[in-house]
Amino acid sequence: MTDAGYVIAAYGVIIGGLALYAFSLMRRLASKRDHHDEAR
């Protein structure tokens, strides 16, 4: 397979993007939960 480097790079970009999205989503949910707890 001559394009293996491109395929691996594409998977890396996709996995990196998903990891960043998951991290930001977890941070946003944690922030919302903290604000909800302070309102009680």
PDB file of N, CA and C in Angstrom:
ATOM      1  N   MET A   1       0.857  -1.183   0.000  1.00  0.00           N
ATOM      2  CA  MET A   1       0.000   0.000   0.000  1.00  0.00           C
ATOM      3  C   MET A   1       0.901   1.245   0.000  1.00  0.00           C
ATOM      4  N   THR A   2       0.843   2.006  -1.049  1.00  0.00           N
ATOM      5  CA  THR A   2       1.744   3.154  -1.175  1.00  0.00           C
ATOM      6  C   THR A   2       1.238   4.378  -0.410  1.00  0.00           C
ATOM      7  N   ASP A   3      -0.038   4.421  -0.103  1.00  0.00           N
ATOM      8  CA  ASP A   3      -0.616   5.584   0.573  1.00  0.00           C
ATOM      9  C   ASP A   3      -0.818   5.353   2.067  1.00  0.00           C
ATOM     10  N   ALA A   4      -0.091   4.414   2.637  1.00  0.00           N
ATOM     11  CA  ALA A   4      -0.279   4.084   4.050  1.00  0.00           C
ATOM     12  C   ALA A   4      -0.001   5.289   4.948  1.00  0.00           C
ATOM     13  N   GLY A   5       0.972   6.096   4.629  1.00  0.00           N
ATOM     14  CA  GLY A   5       1.289   7.265   5.444  1.00  0.00           C
ATOM     15  C   GLY A   5       0.137   8.248   5.500  1.00  0.00           C
ATOM     16  N   TYR A   6      -0.503   8.457   4.337  1.00  0.00           N
ATOM     17  CA  TYR A   6      -1.646   9.375   4.300  1.00  0.00           C
ATOM     18  C   TYR A   6      -2.831   8.816   5.091  1.00  0.00           C
ATOM     19  N   VAL A   7      -3.046   7.522   4.981  1.00  0.00           N
ATOM     20  CA  VAL A   7      -4.154   6.900   5.710  1.00  0.00           C
ATOM     21  C   VAL A   7      -3.912   6.998   7.207  1.00  0.00           C
ATOM     22  N   ILE A   8      -2.697   6.716   7.638  1.00  0.00           N
ATOM     23  CA  ILE A   8      -2.364   6.807   9.067  1.00  0.00           C
ATOM     24  C   ILE A   8      -2.485   8.243   9.553  1.00  0.00           C
ATOM     25  N   ALA A   9      -2.030   9.192   8.746  1.00  0.00           N
ATOM     26  CA  ALA A   9      -2.142  10.597   9.126  1.00  0.00           C
ATOM     27  C   ALA A   9      -3.605  11.016   9.227  1.00  0.00           C
ATOM     28  N   ALA A  10      -4.432  10.560   8.305  1.00  0.00           N
ATOM     29  CA  ALA A  10      -5.858  10.906   8.344  1.00  0.00           C
ATOM     30  C   ALA A  10      -6.514  10.339   9.596  1.00  0.00           C
ATOM     31  N   TYR A  11      -6.196   9.071   9.922  1.00  0.00           N
ATOM     32  CA  TYR A  11      -6.732   8.500  11.160  1.00  0.00           C
ATOM     33  C   TYR A  11      -6.263   9.291  12.368  1.00  0.00           C
ATOM     34  N   GLY A  12      -5.015   9.730  12.369  1.00  0.00           N
ATOM     35  CA  GLY A  12      -4.499  10.518  13.481  1.00  0.00           C
ATOM     36  C   GLY A  12      -5.242  11.834  13.632  1.00  0.00           C
ATOM     37  N   VAL A  13      -5.515  12.496  12.510  1.00  0.00           N
ATOM     38  CA  VAL A  13      -6.244  13.764  12.557  1.00  0.00           C
ATOM     39  C   VAL A  13      -7.657  13.542  13.074  1.00  0.00           C
ATOM     40  N   ILE A  14      -8.312  12.484  12.599  1.00  0.00           N
ATOM     41  CA  ILE A  14      -9.689  12.205  13.027  1.00  0.00           C
ATOM     42  C   ILE A  14      -9.734  11.866  14.512  1.00  0.00           C
ATOM     43  N   ILE A  15      -8.832  11.004  14.952  1.00  0.00           N
ATOM     44  CA  ILE A  15      -8.813  10.610  16.365  1.00  0.00           C
ATOM     45  C   ILE A  15      -8.455  11.809  17.250  1.00  0.00           C
ATOM     46  N   GLY A  16      -7.512  12.641  16.789  1.00  0.00           N
ATOM     47  CA  GLY A  16      -7.159  13.841  17.543  1.00  0.00           C
ATOM     48  C   GLY A  16      -8.333  14.804  17.653  1.00  0.00           C
ATOM     49  N   GLY A  17      -9.064  14.971  16.560  1.00  0.00           N
ATOM     50  CA  GLY A  17     -10.234  15.847  16.587  1.00  0.00           C
ATOM     51  C   GLY A  17     -11.309  15.330  17.512  1.00  0.00           C
ATOM     52  N   LEU A  18     -11.540  14.021  17.467  1.00  0.00           N
ATOM     53  CA  LEU A  18     -12.538  13.432  18.370  1.00  0.00           C
ATOM     54  C   LEU A  18     -12.106  13.567  19.825  1.00  0.00           C
ATOM     55  N   ALA A  19     -10.812  13.406  20.093  1.00  0.00           N
ATOM     56  CA  ALA A  19     -10.317  13.548  21.465  1.00  0.00           C
ATOM     57  C   ALA A  19     -10.496  14.986  21.956  1.00  0.00           C
ATOM     58  N   LEU A  20     -10.183  15.969  21.101  1.00  0.00           N
ATOM     59  CA  LEU A  20     -10.373  17.361  21.493  1.00  0.00           C
ATOM     60  C   LEU A  20     -11.849  17.670  21.725  1.00  0.00           C
ATOM     61  N   TYR A  21     -12.712  17.135  20.863  1.00  0.00           N
ATOM     62  CA  TYR A  21     -14.147  17.364  21.025  1.00  0.00           C
ATOM     63  C   TYR A  21     -14.646  16.736  22.331  1.00  0.00           C
ATOM     64  N   ALA A  22     -14.224  15.512  22.618  1.00  0.00           N
ATOM     65  CA  ALA A  22     -14.647  14.842  23.849  1.00  0.00           C
ATOM     66  C   ALA A  22     -14.145  15.600  25.076  1.00  0.00           C
ATOM     67  N   PHE A  23     -12.901  16.090  25.017  1.00  0.00           N
ATOM     68  CA  PHE A  23     -12.340  16.846  26.136  1.00  0.00           C
ATOM     69  C   PHE A  23     -13.120  18.131  26.379  1.00  0.00           C
ATOM     70  N   SER A  24     -13.429  18.847  25.295  1.00  0.00           N
ATOM     71  CA  SER A  24     -14.163  20.101  25.467  1.00  0.00           C
ATOM     72  C   SER A  24     -15.584  19.843  25.947  1.00  0.00           C
ATOM     73  N   LEU A  25     -16.185  18.756  25.487  1.00  0.00           N
ATOM     74  CA  LEU A  25     -17.532  18.416  25.930  1.00  0.00           C
ATOM     75  C   LEU A  25     -17.536  18.053  27.411  1.00  0.00           C
ATOM     76  N   MET A  26     -16.557  17.277  27.852  1.00  0.00           N
ATOM     77  CA  MET A  26     -16.484  16.912  29.270  1.00  0.00           C
ATOM     78  C   MET A  26     -16.259  18.151  30.128  1.00  0.00           C
ATOM     79  N   ARG A  27     -15.392  19.076  29.662  1.00  0.00           N
ATOM     80  CA  ARG A  27     -15.152  20.310  30.408  1.00  0.00           C
ATOM     81  C   ARG A  27     -16.415  21.145  30.503  1.00  0.00           C
ATOM     82  N   ARG A  28     -17.151  21.235  29.395  1.00  0.00           N
ATOM     83  CA  ARG A  28     -18.380  22.030  29.380  1.00  0.00           C
ATOM     84  C   ARG A  28     -19.418  21.416  30.315  1.00  0.00           C
ATOM     85  N   LEU A  29     -19.547  20.098  30.298  1.00  0.00           N
ATOM     86  CA  LEU A  29     -20.524  19.441  31.180  1.00  0.00           C
ATOM     87  C   LEU A  29     -20.123  19.592  32.643  1.00  0.00           C
ATOM     88  N   ALA A  30     -18.836  19.485  32.932  1.00  0.00           N
ATOM     89  CA  ALA A  30     -18.371  19.646  34.309  1.00  0.00           C
ATOM     90  C   ALA A  30     -18.614  21.078  34.781  1.00  0.00           C
ATOM     91  N   SER A  31     -18.385  22.044  33.913  1.00  0.00           N
ATOM     92  CA  SER A  31     -18.616  23.437  34.268  1.00  0.00           C
ATOM     93  C   SER A  31     -20.095  23.686  34.526  1.00  0.00           C
ATOM     94  N   LYS A  32     -20.941  23.126  33.684  1.00  0.00           N
ATOM     95  CA  LYS A  32     -22.388  23.302  33.856  1.00  0.00           C
ATOM     96  C   LYS A  32     -22.844  22.635  35.160  1.00  0.00           C
ATOM     97  N   ARG A  33     -22.280  21.460  35.472  1.00  0.00           N
ATOM     98  CA  ARG A  33     -22.653  20.759  36.700  1.00  0.00           C
ATOM     99  C   ARG A  33     -22.217  21.570  37.919  1.00  0.00           C
ATOM    100  N   ASP A  34     -21.016  22.170  37.862  1.00  0.00           N
ATOM    101  CA  ASP A  34     -20.538  22.980  38.979  1.00  0.00           C
ATOM    102  C   ASP A  34     -21.426  24.200  39.191  1.00  0.00           C
ATOM    103  N   HIS A  35     -21.828  24.845  38.114  1.00  0.00           N
ATOM    104  CA  HIS A  35     -22.700  26.006  38.245  1.00  0.00           C
ATOM    105  C   HIS A  35     -24.063  25.600  38.779  1.00  0.00           C
ATOM    106  N   HIS A  36     -24.531  24.415  38.390  1.00  0.00           N
ATOM    107  CA  HIS A  36     -25.821  23.930  38.867  1.00  0.00           C
ATOM    108  C   HIS A  36     -25.755  23.641  40.365  1.00  0.00           C
ATOM    109  N   ASP A  37     -24.634  23.072  40.824  1.00  0.00           N
ATOM    110  CA  ASP A  37     -24.477  22.787  42.249  1.00  0.00           C
ATOM    111  C   ASP A  37     -24.403  24.070  43.078  1.00  0.00           C
ATOM    112  N   GLU A  38     -23.806  25.121  42.521  1.00  0.00           N
ATOM    113  CA  GLU A  38     -23.693  26.384  43.266  1.00  0.00           C
ATOM    114  C   GLU A  38     -25.059  27.071  43.392  1.00  0.00           C
ATOM    115  N   ALA A  39     -25.970  26.794  42.477  1.00  0.00           N
ATOM    116  CA  ALA A  39     -27.257  27.454  42.489  1.00  0.00           C
ATOM    117  C   ALA A  39     -28.182  26.900  43.572  1.00  0.00           C
ATOM    118  N   ARG A  40     -27.858  25.755  44.119  1.00  0.00           N
ATOM    119  CA  ARG A  40     -28.723  25.152  45.132  1.00  0.00           C
ATOM    120  C   ARG A  40     -28.614  25.816  46.478  1.00  0.00           C
TER     121      ARG A  40
END
